[in-house]
Each structure stands twice: as C-alpha cells, then as structure tokens.
Protein backbone atom coordinates (compact mmCIF):
# COMPACT_ATOMS: atom_id res chain seq x y z
CA UNK A 1 -17.00 1.93 95.38
CA UNK A 2 -14.91 1.10 92.30
CA UNK A 3 -16.19 -0.78 89.24
CA UNK A 4 -13.97 -2.00 86.39
CA UNK A 5 -11.13 0.33 87.26
CA UNK A 6 -8.19 0.60 89.59
CA UNK A 7 -8.91 4.26 90.19
CA UNK A 8 -11.73 6.13 91.86
CA UNK A 9 -15.08 5.92 90.09
CA UNK A 10 -15.03 8.13 86.99
CA UNK A 11 -18.15 7.90 84.81
CA UNK A 12 -16.36 9.68 81.94
CA UNK A 13 -13.70 6.96 81.78
CA UNK A 14 -14.47 4.71 78.77
CA UNK A 15 -13.42 1.77 80.96
CA UNK A 16 -16.07 2.53 83.58
CA UNK A 17 -18.81 -0.09 83.45
CA UNK A 18 -21.33 -0.31 86.27
CA UNK A 19 -22.30 -4.01 86.50
CA UNK A 20 -25.96 -4.64 85.81
CA UNK A 21 -26.66 -1.20 84.28
CA UNK A 22 -28.15 -1.44 80.79
CA UNK A 23 -28.53 1.07 78.02
CA UNK A 24 -25.26 2.94 78.21
CA UNK A 25 -23.85 3.96 74.82
CA UNK A 26 -20.12 3.30 74.42
CA UNK A 27 -17.56 3.92 71.69
CA UNK A 28 -16.90 0.92 69.47
CA UNK A 29 -20.60 0.29 68.75
CA UNK A 30 -22.35 1.99 65.84
CA UNK A 31 -25.27 1.65 63.47
CA UNK A 32 -25.56 3.32 60.05
CA UNK A 33 -28.42 4.05 57.68
CA UNK A 34 -29.73 0.85 56.08
CA UNK A 35 -29.22 -0.03 52.43
CA UNK A 36 -31.67 -1.36 49.85
CA UNK A 37 -34.88 -0.72 51.79
CA UNK A 38 -37.91 -2.27 50.04
CA UNK A 39 -41.49 -2.96 51.09
CA UNK A 40 -40.42 -6.15 52.90
CA UNK A 41 -36.66 -6.04 53.51
CA UNK A 42 -33.63 -3.90 54.34
CA UNK A 43 -29.90 -4.37 54.72
CA UNK A 44 -28.84 -3.29 58.20
CA UNK A 45 -25.35 -1.84 58.57
CA UNK A 46 -23.31 -1.42 61.73
CA UNK A 47 -20.02 -2.12 63.41
CA UNK A 48 -18.87 -3.62 66.65
CA UNK A 49 -15.35 -2.77 67.68
CA UNK A 50 -13.48 -3.96 70.71
CA UNK A 51 -14.17 -2.14 73.97
CA UNK A 52 -12.14 1.02 74.30
CA UNK A 53 -10.54 -0.31 77.45
CA UNK A 54 -8.05 -3.15 77.71
CA UNK A 55 -9.68 -4.18 80.97
CA UNK A 56 -13.04 -4.78 79.27
CA UNK A 57 -13.91 -7.97 77.41
CA UNK A 58 -17.00 -8.12 75.19
CA UNK A 59 -18.61 -11.53 75.74
CA UNK A 60 -21.60 -11.22 73.42
CA UNK A 61 -22.54 -8.82 70.62
CA UNK A 62 -24.94 -8.34 67.76
CA UNK A 63 -27.85 -6.39 66.38
CA UNK A 64 -31.34 -5.79 67.80
CA UNK A 65 -34.42 -4.44 66.02
CA UNK A 66 -38.08 -3.73 66.60
CA UNK A 67 -41.00 -1.70 65.27
CA UNK A 68 -40.81 0.25 68.54
CA UNK A 69 -38.08 2.72 69.53
CA UNK A 70 -35.17 1.64 71.73
CA UNK A 71 -34.95 -2.03 70.78
CA UNK A 72 -33.06 -4.16 73.26
CA UNK A 73 -31.96 -7.76 73.65
CA UNK A 74 -35.49 -8.84 74.61
CA UNK A 75 -36.64 -7.83 71.08
CA UNK A 76 -35.49 -9.37 67.79
CA UNK A 77 -31.81 -10.22 68.03
CA UNK A 78 -29.06 -11.62 65.87
CA UNK A 79 -25.67 -12.45 67.39
CA UNK A 80 -22.61 -11.55 65.34
CA UNK A 81 -18.86 -11.54 65.62
CA UNK A 82 -17.00 -8.25 66.16
CA UNK A 83 -16.36 -6.16 63.07
CA UNK A 84 -18.57 -4.85 60.32
CA UNK A 85 -22.20 -5.96 60.19
CA UNK A 86 -24.14 -6.40 56.96
CA UNK A 87 -27.40 -8.14 57.83
CA UNK A 88 -30.32 -8.72 55.45
CA UNK A 89 -33.57 -8.34 57.36
CA UNK A 90 -36.55 -9.82 55.49
CA UNK A 91 -40.24 -10.57 56.01
CA UNK A 92 -40.89 -7.01 57.18
CA UNK A 93 -44.30 -5.35 57.05
CA UNK A 94 -44.71 -2.71 54.35
CA UNK A 95 -45.08 0.96 55.22
CA UNK A 96 -43.78 0.38 58.74
CA UNK A 97 -41.09 2.14 60.76
CA UNK A 98 -38.39 -0.07 62.27
CA UNK A 99 -35.58 0.76 64.68
CA UNK A 100 -32.24 -0.97 65.12
CA UNK A 101 -28.91 -0.68 66.91
CA UNK A 102 -25.90 -2.79 67.74
CA UNK A 103 -25.18 -4.08 71.22
CA UNK A 104 -22.32 -5.56 73.20
CA UNK A 105 -22.15 -7.22 76.59
CA UNK A 106 -19.22 -6.20 78.77
CA UNK A 107 -19.07 -7.75 82.22
CA UNK A 108 -22.77 -7.77 83.21
CA UNK A 109 -23.72 -4.58 81.33
CA UNK A 110 -25.46 -4.43 77.95
CA UNK A 111 -24.20 -1.50 75.91
CA UNK A 112 -26.00 -0.11 72.84
CA UNK A 113 -24.99 1.97 69.84
CA UNK A 114 -26.90 4.86 68.38
CA UNK A 115 -30.38 3.98 67.16
CA UNK A 116 -31.35 4.10 63.48
CA UNK A 117 -34.95 4.38 62.27
CA UNK A 118 -36.13 3.53 58.76
CA UNK A 119 -39.46 2.92 57.05
CA UNK A 120 -40.25 0.16 54.60
CA UNK A 121 -41.89 1.17 51.32
CA UNK A 122 -45.68 0.98 50.84
C-alpha cells in the first residue's frame, strides 16, 4: 500500500505520511527553550516551517501545552500561522512544570515537534 508518495512505502522518506497516525515528529516543526519564565508566565518559542515535501500541505498548525508530558491537540492549544512563534503564556501556576511543542496537520496526520519542559518560579 502506498501513502502520500508515488513510490513504494518508505518510512524514512520525509514525504511519507500514514493517514490517521498521530505523534510522528517531522522536520519543519521545532520548539525552543522558553524566555522570561516567571511564577505565572512564560514566553514560548518555536517554529513551524512548510512540510519538507512538495506533496504535503499543512492545513492547521500551532502550539500545544500541558502540565503533563506529551501535550497534544486535546490539551491547551493555540493556532498560529507558519513561521516563528513567540507566544506569551500567562495565568500559570507557580512552581509547576509545563510541557509544550508545536504541531502541524498534514493530510489526516498530526505531527509534533520536540517537547520542551520548563518550571515556573515559586
């Protein structure tokens, strides 16, 4: 079976997207260490580039965060446009660890960047 490609299935091909499979990390999505972390806020940094394959179209993208590891689109979410992300997250609990990452939807798959953890100040 072939998905998103005119060649045989190759899971190392950056154009290979298996419809309906979530959680795959792909180039073009990244999260960086936050800036200006306080007891109740942080500036989240990331980037969303175009898919690495001309045959792939990103239809939705943004940033997800949670106080539990591996946040996904069912957690806190902000939709953004492609490019650099600079998002001020406020009303956080003090002395708490939060996790965030960027995401993009390509076909029916949700792709995530690396995950970043940070702790608010006491």
